Amino acid sequence: MSQQEKMKAYWRRNVKILLSLLAVWFTVSFGCGILLVDVLNKVQLGGFKLGFWFAQQGAIYVFVILIFVYVWLLNKLDREFDVHE
């Protein structure tokens, strides 16, 4: 595999990871916070309706977790393509 092909494969995998994590973030923030709010509001978490919790807190927690997942996955990808620091 040439260096150019290796770089393209690395970038393709990077974009695939990024789009997957963005889909999770969108599902949690938009889906749970807006679209499914009526269904989720039937459940309470800490005295607050679950839909409200996802809109105000849950999406932020998921976003922070996704940052750590992205770092972990990219470090793994960097080692696989031998471009790690």
PDB file of N, CA and C in Angstrom:
ATOM      1  N   MET A   1       0.843  -1.172   0.000  1.00  0.00           N
ATOM      2  CA  MET A   1       0.000   0.000   0.000  1.00  0.00           C
ATOM      3  C   MET A   1       0.898   1.248   0.000  1.00  0.00           C
ATOM      4  N   SER A   2       0.638   2.150  -0.921  1.00  0.00           N
ATOM      5  CA  SER A   2       1.443   3.363  -1.001  1.00  0.00           C
ATOM      6  C   SER A   2       1.087   4.323   0.139  1.00  0.00           C
ATOM      7  N   GLN A   3       1.935   5.294   0.343  1.00  0.00           N
ATOM      8  CA  GLN A   3       1.707   6.276   1.402  1.00  0.00           C
ATOM      9  C   GLN A   3       0.420   7.066   1.144  1.00  0.00           C
ATOM     10  N   GLN A   4       0.173   7.393  -0.115  1.00  0.00           N
ATOM     11  CA  GLN A   4      -1.037   8.140  -0.482  1.00  0.00           C
ATOM     12  C   GLN A   4      -2.290   7.328  -0.174  1.00  0.00           C
ATOM     13  N   GLU A   5      -2.294   6.045  -0.524  1.00  0.00           N
ATOM     14  CA  GLU A   5      -3.435   5.172  -0.240  1.00  0.00           C
ATOM     15  C   GLU A   5      -3.626   5.012   1.262  1.00  0.00           C
ATOM     16  N   LYS A   6      -2.520   4.918   1.975  1.00  0.00           N
ATOM     17  CA  LYS A   6      -2.580   4.785   3.426  1.00  0.00           C
ATOM     18  C   LYS A   6      -3.201   6.030   4.059  1.00  0.00           C
ATOM     19  N   MET A   7      -2.825   7.205   3.544  1.00  0.00           N
ATOM     20  CA  MET A   7      -3.384   8.453   4.058  1.00  0.00           C
ATOM     21  C   MET A   7      -4.878   8.553   3.772  1.00  0.00           C
ATOM     22  N   LYS A   8      -5.296   8.130   2.581  1.00  0.00           N
ATOM     23  CA  LYS A   8      -6.719   8.152   2.228  1.00  0.00           C
ATOM     24  C   LYS A   8      -7.518   7.182   3.091  1.00  0.00           C
ATOM     25  N   ALA A   9      -6.969   6.006   3.331  1.00  0.00           N
ATOM     26  CA  ALA A   9      -7.650   5.022   4.174  1.00  0.00           C
ATOM     27  C   ALA A   9      -7.771   5.535   5.607  1.00  0.00           C
ATOM     28  N   TYR A  10      -6.712   6.162   6.096  1.00  0.00           N
ATOM     29  CA  TYR A  10      -6.739   6.743   7.441  1.00  0.00           C
ATOM     30  C   TYR A  10      -7.817   7.815   7.537  1.00  0.00           C
ATOM     31  N   TRP A  11      -7.863   8.698   6.567  1.00  0.00           N
ATOM     32  CA  TRP A  11      -8.836   9.784   6.597  1.00  0.00           C
ATOM     33  C   TRP A  11     -10.264   9.253   6.471  1.00  0.00           C
ATOM     34  N   ARG A  12     -10.472   8.238   5.624  1.00  0.00           N
ATOM     35  CA  ARG A  12     -11.805   7.631   5.490  1.00  0.00           C
ATOM     36  C   ARG A  12     -12.272   7.059   6.817  1.00  0.00           C
ATOM     37  N   ARG A  13     -11.392   6.336   7.503  1.00  0.00           N
ATOM     38  CA  ARG A  13     -11.754   5.760   8.809  1.00  0.00           C
ATOM     39  C   ARG A  13     -12.017   6.853   9.840  1.00  0.00           C
ATOM     40  N   ASN A  14     -11.226   7.922   9.796  1.00  0.00           N
ATOM     41  CA  ASN A  14     -11.407   9.044  10.712  1.00  0.00           C
ATOM     42  C   ASN A  14     -12.788   9.680  10.508  1.00  0.00           C
ATOM     43  N   VAL A  15     -13.166   9.937   9.267  1.00  0.00           N
ATOM     44  CA  VAL A  15     -14.461  10.536   8.953  1.00  0.00           C
ATOM     45  C   VAL A  15     -15.595   9.596   9.356  1.00  0.00           C
ATOM     46  N   LYS A  16     -15.410   8.298   9.144  1.00  0.00           N
ATOM     47  CA  LYS A  16     -16.434   7.319   9.528  1.00  0.00           C
ATOM     48  C   LYS A  16     -16.656   7.349  11.039  1.00  0.00           C
ATOM     49  N   ILE A  17     -15.586   7.402  11.812  1.00  0.00           N
ATOM     50  CA  ILE A  17     -15.694   7.487  13.270  1.00  0.00           C
ATOM     51  C   ILE A  17     -16.395   8.783  13.666  1.00  0.00           C
ATOM     52  N   LEU A  18     -15.977   9.872  13.061  1.00  0.00           N
ATOM     53  CA  LEU A  18     -16.549  11.180  13.379  1.00  0.00           C
ATOM     54  C   LEU A  18     -18.041  11.223  13.077  1.00  0.00           C
ATOM     55  N   LEU A  19     -18.452  10.739  11.917  1.00  0.00           N
ATOM     56  CA  LEU A  19     -19.870  10.744  11.554  1.00  0.00           C
ATOM     57  C   LEU A  19     -20.688   9.834  12.465  1.00  0.00           C
ATOM     58  N   SER A  20     -20.118   8.712  12.870  1.00  0.00           N
ATOM     59  CA  SER A  20     -20.820   7.817  13.794  1.00  0.00           C
ATOM     60  C   SER A  20     -21.055   8.492  15.137  1.00  0.00           C
ATOM     61  N   LEU A  21     -20.034   9.156  15.653  1.00  0.00           N
ATOM     62  CA  LEU A  21     -20.177   9.828  16.937  1.00  0.00           C
ATOM     63  C   LEU A  21     -21.107  11.028  16.836  1.00  0.00           C
ATOM     64  N   LEU A  22     -21.086  11.726  15.724  1.00  0.00           N
ATOM     65  CA  LEU A  22     -22.027  12.827  15.528  1.00  0.00           C
ATOM     66  C   LEU A  22     -23.466  12.333  15.451  1.00  0.00           C
ATOM     67  N   ALA A  23     -23.672  11.165  14.865  1.00  0.00           N
ATOM     68  CA  ALA A  23     -25.013  10.581  14.807  1.00  0.00           C
ATOM     69  C   ALA A  23     -25.518  10.257  16.211  1.00  0.00           C
ATOM     70  N   VAL A  24     -24.633   9.730  17.060  1.00  0.00           N
ATOM     71  CA  VAL A  24     -25.024   9.450  18.453  1.00  0.00           C
ATOM     72  C   VAL A  24     -25.373  10.749  19.162  1.00  0.00           C
ATOM     73  N   TRP A  25     -24.534  11.774  18.997  1.00  0.00           N
ATOM     74  CA  TRP A  25     -24.774  13.059  19.645  1.00  0.00           C
ATOM     75  C   TRP A  25     -26.092  13.670  19.163  1.00  0.00           C
ATOM     76  N   PHE A  26     -26.351  13.617  17.858  1.00  0.00           N
ATOM     77  CA  PHE A  26     -27.591  14.161  17.302  1.00  0.00           C
ATOM     78  C   PHE A  26     -28.801  13.408  17.847  1.00  0.00           C
ATOM     79  N   THR A  27     -28.702  12.086  17.902  1.00  0.00           N
ATOM     80  CA  THR A  27     -29.811  11.281  18.410  1.00  0.00           C
ATOM     81  C   THR A  27     -30.133  11.633  19.848  1.00  0.00           C
ATOM     82  N   VAL A  28     -29.107  11.787  20.665  1.00  0.00           N
ATOM     83  CA  VAL A  28     -29.328  12.104  22.078  1.00  0.00           C
ATOM     84  C   VAL A  28     -29.833  13.534  22.244  1.00  0.00           C
ATOM     85  N   SER A  29     -29.175  14.490  21.607  1.00  0.00           N
ATOM     86  CA  SER A  29     -29.540  15.885  21.837  1.00  0.00           C
ATOM     87  C   SER A  29     -30.852  16.259  21.154  1.00  0.00           C
ATOM     88  N   PHE A  30     -30.999  15.929  19.898  1.00  0.00           N
ATOM     89  CA  PHE A  30     -32.208  16.306  19.168  1.00  0.00           C
ATOM     90  C   PHE A  30     -33.327  15.293  19.389  1.00  0.00           C
ATOM     91  N   GLY A  31     -32.987  14.011  19.269  1.00  0.00           N
ATOM     92  CA  GLY A  31     -33.998  12.965  19.410  1.00  0.00           C
ATOM     93  C   GLY A  31     -34.596  12.901  20.802  1.00  0.00           C
ATOM     94  N   CYS A  32     -33.735  12.745  21.807  1.00  0.00           N
ATOM     95  CA  CYS A  32     -34.229  12.601  23.184  1.00  0.00           C
ATOM     96  C   CYS A  32     -34.651  13.941  23.783  1.00  0.00           C
ATOM     97  N   GLY A  33     -34.001  15.021  23.391  1.00  0.00           N
ATOM     98  CA  GLY A  33     -34.309  16.326  23.967  1.00  0.00           C
ATOM     99  C   GLY A  33     -35.488  17.031  23.330  1.00  0.00           C
ATOM    100  N   ILE A  34     -35.829  16.668  22.072  1.00  0.00           N
ATOM    101  CA  ILE A  34     -36.902  17.372  21.374  1.00  0.00           C
ATOM    102  C   ILE A  34     -37.975  16.408  20.852  1.00  0.00           C
ATOM    103  N   LEU A  35     -37.580  15.433  20.047  1.00  0.00           N
ATOM    104  CA  LEU A  35     -38.564  14.570  19.394  1.00  0.00           C
ATOM    105  C   LEU A  35     -39.257  13.601  20.352  1.00  0.00           C
ATOM    106  N   LEU A  36     -38.504  13.005  21.254  1.00  0.00           N
ATOM    107  CA  LEU A  36     -39.066  12.003  22.162  1.00  0.00           C
ATOM    108  C   LEU A  36     -39.376  12.564  23.546  1.00  0.00           C
ATOM    109  N   VAL A  37     -39.445  13.883  23.667  1.00  0.00           N
ATOM    110  CA  VAL A  37     -39.591  14.501  24.977  1.00  0.00           C
ATOM    111  C   VAL A  37     -40.894  14.082  25.663  1.00  0.00           C
ATOM    112  N   ASP A  38     -41.980  13.956  24.926  1.00  0.00           N
ATOM    113  CA  ASP A  38     -43.259  13.587  25.552  1.00  0.00           C
ATOM    114  C   ASP A  38     -43.225  12.174  26.112  1.00  0.00           C
ATOM    115  N   VAL A  39     -42.602  11.262  25.393  1.00  0.00           N
ATOM    116  CA  VAL A  39     -42.480   9.882  25.876  1.00  0.00           C
ATOM    117  C   VAL A  39     -41.563   9.824  27.091  1.00  0.00           C
ATOM    118  N   LEU A  40     -40.434  10.523  27.013  1.00  0.00           N
ATOM    119  CA  LEU A  40     -39.459  10.498  28.108  1.00  0.00           C
ATOM    120  C   LEU A  40     -39.946  11.236  29.341  1.00  0.00           C
ATOM    121  N   ASN A  41     -40.853  12.199  29.177  1.00  0.00           N
ATOM    122  CA  ASN A  41     -41.349  12.956  30.325  1.00  0.00           C
ATOM    123  C   ASN A  41     -42.231  12.117  31.249  1.00  0.00           C
ATOM    124  N   LYS A  42     -42.625  10.947  30.811  1.00  0.00           N
ATOM    125  CA  LYS A  42     -43.408  10.051  31.675  1.00  0.00           C
ATOM    126  C   LYS A  42     -42.540   9.423  32.759  1.00  0.00           C
ATOM    127  N   VAL A  43     -41.217   9.482  32.587  1.00  0.00           N
ATOM    128  CA  VAL A  43     -40.269   8.937  33.556  1.00  0.00           C
ATOM    129  C   VAL A  43     -39.600  10.104  34.264  1.00  0.00           C
ATOM    130  N   GLN A  44     -39.364   9.957  35.568  1.00  0.00           N
ATOM    131  CA  GLN A  44     -38.701  11.017  36.319  1.00  0.00           C
ATOM    132  C   GLN A  44     -37.315  10.561  36.763  1.00  0.00           C
ATOM    133  N   LEU A  45     -36.369  11.502  36.768  1.00  0.00           N
ATOM    134  CA  LEU A  45     -35.000  11.241  37.191  1.00  0.00           C
ATOM    135  C   LEU A  45     -34.591  12.364  38.133  1.00  0.00           C
ATOM    136  N   GLY A  46     -34.414  12.035  39.393  1.00  0.00           N
ATOM    137  CA  GLY A  46     -34.030  13.040  40.387  1.00  0.00           C
ATOM    138  C   GLY A  46     -35.080  14.122  40.567  1.00  0.00           C
ATOM    139  N   GLY A  47     -36.345  13.788  40.395  1.00  0.00           N
ATOM    140  CA  GLY A  47     -37.413  14.760  40.548  1.00  0.00           C
ATOM    141  C   GLY A  47     -37.719  15.547  39.284  1.00  0.00           C
ATOM    142  N   PHE A  48     -36.954  15.344  38.233  1.00  0.00           N
ATOM    143  CA  PHE A  48     -37.180  16.054  36.975  1.00  0.00           C
ATOM    144  C   PHE A  48     -37.654  15.067  35.921  1.00  0.00           C
ATOM    145  N   LYS A  49     -38.471  15.558  35.014  1.00  0.00           N
ATOM    146  CA  LYS A  49     -38.911  14.711  33.903  1.00  0.00           C
ATOM    147  C   LYS A  49     -37.697  14.361  33.042  1.00  0.00           C
ATOM    148  N   LEU A  50     -37.656  13.123  32.559  1.00  0.00           N
ATOM    149  CA  LEU A  50     -36.494  12.625  31.824  1.00  0.00           C
ATOM    150  C   LEU A  50     -36.247  13.409  30.532  1.00  0.00           C
ATOM    151  N   GLY A  51     -37.310  13.840  29.853  1.00  0.00           N
ATOM    152  CA  GLY A  51     -37.140  14.646  28.645  1.00  0.00           C
ATOM    153  C   GLY A  51     -36.443  15.961  28.946  1.00  0.00           C
ATOM    154  N   PHE A  52     -36.836  16.603  30.033  1.00  0.00           N
ATOM    155  CA  PHE A  52     -36.182  17.838  30.456  1.00  0.00           C
ATOM    156  C   PHE A  52     -34.729  17.568  30.814  1.00  0.00           C
ATOM    157  N   TRP A  53     -34.485  16.464  31.523  1.00  0.00           N
ATOM    158  CA  TRP A  53     -33.124  16.128  31.926  1.00  0.00           C
ATOM    159  C   TRP A  53     -32.226  15.933  30.708  1.00  0.00           C
ATOM    160  N   PHE A  54     -32.715  15.203  29.687  1.00  0.00           N
ATOM    161  CA  PHE A  54     -31.914  15.000  28.474  1.00  0.00           C
ATOM    162  C   PHE A  54     -31.653  16.324  27.769  1.00  0.00           C
ATOM    163  N   ALA A  55     -32.650  17.187  27.711  1.00  0.00           N
ATOM    164  CA  ALA A  55     -32.481  18.466  27.023  1.00  0.00           C
ATOM    165  C   ALA A  55     -31.486  19.358  27.758  1.00  0.00           C
ATOM    166  N   GLN A  56     -31.473  19.323  29.087  1.00  0.00           N
ATOM    167  CA  GLN A  56     -30.650  20.242  29.859  1.00  0.00           C
ATOM    168  C   GLN A  56     -29.300  19.656  30.284  1.00  0.00           C
ATOM    169  N   GLN A  57     -29.258  18.397  30.643  1.00  0.00           N
ATOM    170  CA  GLN A  57     -28.042  17.804  31.197  1.00  0.00           C
ATOM    171  C   GLN A  57     -27.522  16.610  30.402  1.00  0.00           C
ATOM    172  N   GLY A  58     -28.411  15.725  30.027  1.00  0.00           N
ATOM    173  CA  GLY A  58     -28.006  14.470  29.400  1.00  0.00           C
ATOM    174  C   GLY A  58     -27.208  14.646  28.131  1.00  0.00           C
ATOM    175  N   ALA A  59     -27.630  15.579  27.283  1.00  0.00           N
ATOM    176  CA  ALA A  59     -26.915  15.807  26.029  1.00  0.00           C
ATOM    177  C   ALA A  59     -25.498  16.301  26.290  1.00  0.00           C
ATOM    178  N   ILE A  60     -25.321  17.116  27.323  1.00  0.00           N
ATOM    179  CA  ILE A  60     -23.985  17.620  27.666  1.00  0.00           C
ATOM    180  C   ILE A  60     -23.104  16.480  28.159  1.00  0.00           C
ATOM    181  N   TYR A  61     -23.651  15.624  29.032  1.00  0.00           N
ATOM    182  CA  TYR A  61     -22.880  14.479  29.528  1.00  0.00           C
ATOM    183  C   TYR A  61     -22.483  13.554  28.383  1.00  0.00           C
ATOM    184  N   VAL A  62     -23.422  13.280  27.499  1.00  0.00           N
ATOM    185  CA  VAL A  62     -23.123  12.406  26.357  1.00  0.00           C
ATOM    186  C   VAL A  62     -22.057  13.045  25.471  1.00  0.00           C
ATOM    187  N   PHE A  63     -22.137  14.358  25.253  1.00  0.00           N
ATOM    188  CA  PHE A  63     -21.145  15.046  24.438  1.00  0.00           C
ATOM    189  C   PHE A  63     -19.742  14.912  25.042  1.00  0.00           C
ATOM    190  N   VAL A  64     -19.615  15.085  26.348  1.00  0.00           N
ATOM    191  CA  VAL A  64     -18.315  14.951  27.010  1.00  0.00           C
ATOM    192  C   VAL A  64     -17.804  13.515  26.892  1.00  0.00           C
ATOM    193  N   ILE A  65     -18.685  12.548  27.086  1.00  0.00           N
ATOM    194  CA  ILE A  65     -18.298  11.138  26.945  1.00  0.00           C
ATOM    195  C   ILE A  65     -17.836  10.860  25.513  1.00  0.00           C
ATOM    196  N   LEU A  66     -18.536  11.434  24.533  1.00  0.00           N
ATOM    197  CA  LEU A  66     -18.166  11.226  23.132  1.00  0.00           C
ATOM    198  C   LEU A  66     -16.793  11.812  22.818  1.00  0.00           C
ATOM    199  N   ILE A  67     -16.413  12.892  23.487  1.00  0.00           N
ATOM    200  CA  ILE A  67     -15.074  13.448  23.295  1.00  0.00           C
ATOM    201  C   ILE A  67     -14.026  12.427  23.716  1.00  0.00           C
ATOM    202  N   PHE A  68     -14.219  11.806  24.880  1.00  0.00           N
ATOM    203  CA  PHE A  68     -13.266  10.801  25.349  1.00  0.00           C
ATOM    204  C   PHE A  68     -13.263   9.565  24.450  1.00  0.00           C
ATOM    205  N   VAL A  69     -14.432   9.173  23.973  1.00  0.00           N
ATOM    206  CA  VAL A  69     -14.513   8.032  23.051  1.00  0.00           C
ATOM    207  C   VAL A  69     -13.778   8.352  21.751  1.00  0.00           C
ATOM    208  N   TYR A  70     -13.950   9.566  21.246  1.00  0.00           N
ATOM    209  CA  TYR A  70     -13.263   9.981  20.019  1.00  0.00           C
ATOM    210  C   TYR A  70     -11.745   9.948  20.201  1.00  0.00           C
ATOM    211  N   VAL A  71     -11.274  10.462  21.314  1.00  0.00           N
ATOM    212  CA  VAL A  71      -9.827  10.442  21.589  1.00  0.00           C
ATOM    213  C   VAL A  71      -9.324   9.014  21.632  1.00  0.00           C
ATOM    214  N   TRP A  72     -10.041   8.141  22.327  1.00  0.00           N
ATOM    215  CA  TRP A  72      -9.627   6.738  22.446  1.00  0.00           C
ATOM    216  C   TRP A  72      -9.606   6.065  21.071  1.00  0.00           C
ATOM    217  N   LEU A  73     -10.665   6.273  20.277  1.00  0.00           N
ATOM    218  CA  LEU A  73     -10.728   5.643  18.957  1.00  0.00           C
ATOM    219  C   LEU A  73      -9.654   6.182  18.014  1.00  0.00           C
ATOM    220  N   LEU A  74      -9.389   7.487  18.078  1.00  0.00           N
ATOM    221  CA  LEU A  74      -8.363   8.055  17.198  1.00  0.00           C
ATOM    222  C   LEU A  74      -6.970   7.626  17.616  1.00  0.00           C
ATOM    223  N   ASN A  75      -6.718   7.501  18.898  1.00  0.00           N
ATOM    224  CA  ASN A  75      -5.415   6.979  19.335  1.00  0.00           C
ATOM    225  C   ASN A  75      -5.216   5.550  18.824  1.00  0.00           C
ATOM    226  N   LYS A  76      -6.273   4.762  18.896  1.00  0.00           N
ATOM    227  CA  LYS A  76      -6.220   3.386  18.386  1.00  0.00           C
ATOM    228  C   LYS A  76      -5.976   3.384  16.868  1.00  0.00           C
ATOM    229  N   LEU A  77      -6.672   4.274  16.156  1.00  0.00           N
ATOM    230  CA  LEU A  77      -6.489   4.385  14.709  1.00  0.00           C
ATOM    231  C   LEU A  77      -5.082   4.872  14.361  1.00  0.00           C
ATOM    232  N   ASP A  78      -4.567   5.820  15.123  1.00  0.00           N
ATOM    233  CA  ASP A  78      -3.200   6.311  14.896  1.00  0.00           C
ATOM    234  C   ASP A  78      -2.172   5.198  15.047  1.00  0.00           C
ATOM    235  N   ARG A  79      -2.351   4.364  16.056  1.00  0.00           N
ATOM    236  CA  ARG A  79      -1.412   3.238  16.246  1.00  0.00           C
ATOM    237  C   ARG A  79      -1.535   2.236  15.113  1.00  0.00           C
ATOM    238  N   GLU A  80      -2.754   2.010  14.651  1.00  0.00           N
ATOM    239  CA  GLU A  80      -2.971   1.054  13.564  1.00  0.00           C
ATOM    240  C   GLU A  80      -2.279   1.525  12.275  1.00  0.00           C
ATOM    241  N   PHE A  81      -2.314   2.815  12.002  1.00  0.00           N
ATOM    242  CA  PHE A  81      -1.705   3.357  10.787  1.00  0.00           C
ATOM    243  C   PHE A  81      -0.298   3.889  11.043  1.00  0.00           C
ATOM    244  N   ASP A  82       0.198   3.684  12.228  1.00  0.00           N
ATOM    245  CA  ASP A  82       1.555   4.079  12.622  1.00  0.00           C
ATOM    246  C   ASP A  82       1.812   5.579  12.409  1.00  0.00           C
ATOM    247  N   VAL A  83       0.863   6.382  12.870  1.00  0.00           N
ATOM    248  CA  VAL A  83       1.017   7.831  12.818  1.00  0.00           C
ATOM    249  C   VAL A  83       0.884   8.441  14.221  1.00  0.00           C
ATOM    250  N   HIS A  84       1.036   7.603  15.229  1.00  0.00           N
ATOM    251  CA  HIS A  84       0.896   8.083  16.607  1.00  0.00           C
ATOM    252  C   HIS A  84       2.128   8.890  17.025  1.00  0.00           C
ATOM    253  N   GLU A  85       1.936   9.642  18.085  1.00  0.00           N
ATOM    254  CA  GLU A  85       3.023  10.503  18.570  1.00  0.00           C
ATOM    255  C   GLU A  85       4.069   9.699  19.310  1.00  0.00           C
TER     256      GLU A  85
END
